Structures are given as C-alpha cells and as structure tokens.
Amino acid sequence: MSPSFNELSAGQEIGSRTIEVTRTDLVKYAGASGDFNPIHWNEAFATSVELPGVIAHGMFTMGSAVQLVTDWAGDPAAVVDFQTRFTKPVLVADTTGTDQSGATIEVSGTIGKLDADARTARVDLTVVSAGQKVLMKAQALVQLS
C-alpha cells in the first residue's frame, strides 16, 4: 500500500534494512548488467590495481539502497528521480563455501522534504558498509497521490 502524502512529515523515518552481499551476488549482477570488470570478482586483479580487494559495483550498491524506497512507496515507478555520490567502495570478502555474507550494507531512510504542490517527498538515505558511509547525498524523489 502506498503512503499517503497527507500523513507524511519531514524527519519521518520510512524504515531500514540490511543487505547481505556475497561474491556470487556480484557475479550475478555482472551477468545482468554486462559489467564484467574483474575488480568485482577477481581478488588478485583487484589488489593488483591497488584496491583493498573485490568491491561491489557502484550501481549494485545504489540499486540495493533505493529498494528500500521502492518497497516503501509500493510502486517502483513512483520513484521519479534518484541521485547519489559514491564515497567509499563496498569491500566484499570471499566467503565461498560458507553461509556468511562477504559484506553488509545498512540502509535507512528519512523524509527530507515535502512539496505539497507537486505532491512529492524527497527521501534521504543513509547507506553504510563496514562502519563507513558508502553513498552520500543519496536522495530519491517519490511522486505520491
């Protein structure tokens, strides 16, 4: 069910979620997106280009984060704009053969601003992995009825 514009207020929390990420997730994302850069799946290559290890695709991180908003809105098409700045990579450890995730991404959302004329809500997201903000100014604009 979609949120009602009239029941929202600036500062209101829309929820939070933890996203568990494995290297298998990154390989699946590479197949879906066509981005097969080895920094997203090959430890030796990633470290050879001076990364600390395998990192998640930026668009994987961004898409995972905005899912909180689309679930809250009840309709992915209600998100009419989404912007962010990438600040830190999400390092994904190799946990092959275990039931452990290689990384977690913590996402929480708050209503940042309401526009009564346009009936839109700006949702500000906080996106953290390994204790560091990985996205800054992550903001989704949601069209509400």
Protein backbone atom coordinates (compact mmCIF):
# COMPACT_ATOMS: atom_id res chain seq x y z
CA MET A 1 0.00 0.00 0.00
CA SER A 2 1.37 3.41 -0.97
CA PRO A 3 1.98 6.01 1.73
CA SER A 4 -0.45 8.92 1.85
CA PHE A 5 1.18 12.30 1.19
CA ASN A 6 -1.05 13.95 3.82
CA GLU A 7 0.21 11.60 6.54
CA LEU A 8 3.92 12.37 5.96
CA SER A 9 6.16 14.87 7.73
CA ALA A 10 9.74 15.97 7.27
CA GLY A 11 12.05 13.94 9.50
CA GLN A 12 9.75 10.91 9.49
CA GLU A 13 11.58 7.59 9.12
CA ILE A 14 10.46 5.27 6.33
CA GLY A 15 12.37 2.23 7.59
CA SER A 16 15.68 0.46 7.34
CA ARG A 17 17.16 -2.76 6.03
CA THR A 18 20.35 -4.76 6.00
CA ILE A 19 21.52 -6.11 2.67
CA GLU A 20 23.83 -9.13 2.79
CA VAL A 21 26.20 -9.27 -0.18
CA THR A 22 28.24 -12.21 -1.45
CA ARG A 23 30.63 -12.51 -4.35
CA THR A 24 28.05 -14.72 -6.01
CA ASP A 25 25.67 -11.73 -5.92
CA LEU A 26 28.33 -9.67 -7.70
CA VAL A 27 28.81 -12.31 -10.41
CA LYS A 28 25.03 -12.49 -10.94
CA TYR A 29 24.87 -8.69 -11.13
CA ALA A 30 27.74 -8.66 -13.64
CA GLY A 31 25.77 -11.06 -15.84
CA ALA A 32 22.63 -8.95 -15.63
CA SER A 33 24.38 -5.60 -16.15
CA GLY A 34 27.10 -6.65 -18.58
CA ASP A 35 29.77 -5.13 -16.31
CA PHE A 36 32.37 -7.89 -16.09
CA ASN A 37 35.21 -5.72 -14.76
CA PRO A 38 37.38 -8.16 -12.76
CA ILE A 39 37.59 -5.76 -9.79
CA HIS A 40 34.12 -7.06 -8.96
CA TRP A 41 35.02 -10.76 -8.77
CA ASN A 42 38.79 -11.40 -9.00
CA GLU A 43 40.76 -10.77 -5.79
CA ALA A 44 44.20 -10.96 -7.47
CA PHE A 45 43.21 -8.48 -10.15
CA ALA A 46 41.52 -6.09 -7.68
CA THR A 47 44.59 -5.96 -5.45
CA SER A 48 46.91 -5.60 -8.49
CA VAL A 49 45.18 -2.30 -9.31
CA GLU A 50 45.64 -1.16 -5.70
CA LEU A 51 42.16 -1.85 -4.40
CA PRO A 52 41.88 -3.46 -0.96
CA GLY A 53 40.05 -6.41 -2.52
CA VAL A 54 36.94 -7.21 -4.56
CA ILE A 55 34.43 -4.36 -4.50
CA ALA A 56 30.72 -4.28 -5.29
CA HIS A 57 29.57 -2.49 -8.43
CA GLY A 58 28.54 1.06 -7.61
CA MET A 59 25.24 0.59 -9.39
CA PHE A 60 24.64 -2.63 -7.42
CA THR A 61 25.07 -0.63 -4.20
CA MET A 62 22.89 2.21 -5.48
CA GLY A 63 20.14 -0.14 -6.68
CA SER A 64 20.20 -2.13 -3.45
CA ALA A 65 19.84 1.07 -1.43
CA VAL A 66 16.92 2.52 -3.40
CA GLN A 67 14.99 -0.75 -2.99
CA LEU A 68 14.05 0.49 0.50
CA VAL A 69 12.29 3.45 -1.12
CA THR A 70 10.52 1.46 -3.85
CA ASP A 71 9.24 -1.01 -1.26
CA TRP A 72 8.03 1.84 0.95
CA ALA A 73 6.37 3.64 -1.98
CA GLY A 74 4.64 0.43 -3.09
CA ASP A 75 5.44 1.13 -6.76
CA PRO A 76 8.90 1.39 -8.35
CA ALA A 77 7.51 3.88 -10.89
CA ALA A 78 6.72 6.28 -8.03
CA VAL A 79 10.46 6.96 -7.70
CA VAL A 80 10.85 9.68 -10.33
CA ASP A 81 14.46 10.61 -9.52
CA PHE A 82 17.36 9.13 -7.58
CA GLN A 83 20.77 10.68 -7.17
CA THR A 84 23.81 9.96 -5.08
CA ARG A 85 27.55 10.36 -4.77
CA PHE A 86 29.77 7.33 -4.35
CA THR A 87 32.20 7.91 -1.48
CA LYS A 88 33.63 4.53 -0.45
CA PRO A 89 33.59 1.14 -2.14
CA VAL A 90 31.79 -1.81 -0.60
CA LEU A 91 34.51 -4.40 0.01
CA VAL A 92 33.15 -7.95 -0.39
CA ALA A 93 35.19 -10.70 1.26
CA ASP A 94 35.40 -14.19 -0.18
CA THR A 95 33.10 -16.39 1.90
CA THR A 96 32.68 -19.15 -0.70
CA GLY A 97 31.61 -22.41 0.89
CA THR A 98 30.15 -20.76 3.97
CA ASP A 99 26.76 -19.35 4.84
CA GLN A 100 28.34 -15.98 5.64
CA SER A 101 27.93 -12.80 3.62
CA GLY A 102 31.03 -11.06 2.34
CA ALA A 103 29.66 -7.63 3.23
CA THR A 104 26.59 -5.96 4.62
CA ILE A 105 25.05 -2.70 3.53
CA GLU A 106 22.89 -0.87 6.08
CA VAL A 107 20.24 1.43 4.60
CA SER A 108 17.86 3.75 6.41
CA GLY A 109 15.53 6.37 5.01
CA THR A 110 14.00 9.60 6.27
CA ILE A 111 11.65 12.10 4.67
CA GLY A 112 13.91 15.05 3.91
CA LYS A 113 11.44 17.42 2.26
CA LEU A 114 7.83 17.52 1.13
CA ASP A 115 6.45 19.53 -1.80
CA ALA A 116 2.69 19.94 -1.39
CA ASP A 117 2.19 21.48 -4.84
CA ALA A 118 3.92 18.62 -6.67
CA ARG A 119 2.86 16.02 -4.07
CA THR A 120 6.40 14.67 -3.87
CA ALA A 121 8.53 13.51 -0.99
CA ARG A 122 12.32 13.61 -1.02
CA VAL A 123 13.64 10.58 0.83
CA ASP A 124 17.16 10.92 2.20
CA LEU A 125 19.02 7.64 2.54
CA THR A 126 21.89 6.80 4.85
CA VAL A 127 23.94 3.98 3.33
CA VAL A 128 26.74 2.42 5.40
CA SER A 129 29.03 -0.58 5.00
CA ALA A 130 31.80 -1.61 7.40
CA GLY A 131 31.08 1.47 9.51
CA GLN A 132 31.60 3.94 6.65
CA LYS A 133 29.13 5.89 4.54
CA VAL A 134 29.42 4.46 1.05
CA LEU A 135 26.87 6.78 -0.57
CA MET A 136 26.46 10.49 0.17
CA LYS A 137 23.54 12.71 -0.70
CA ALA A 138 21.54 9.62 -1.61
CA GLN A 139 18.15 11.16 -2.35
CA ALA A 140 15.07 9.70 -4.01
CA LEU A 141 12.17 11.82 -5.20
CA VAL A 142 8.85 9.98 -4.82
CA GLN A 143 5.62 11.01 -6.52
CA LEU A 144 2.63 10.40 -4.25
CA SER A 145 -1.09 10.63 -4.79
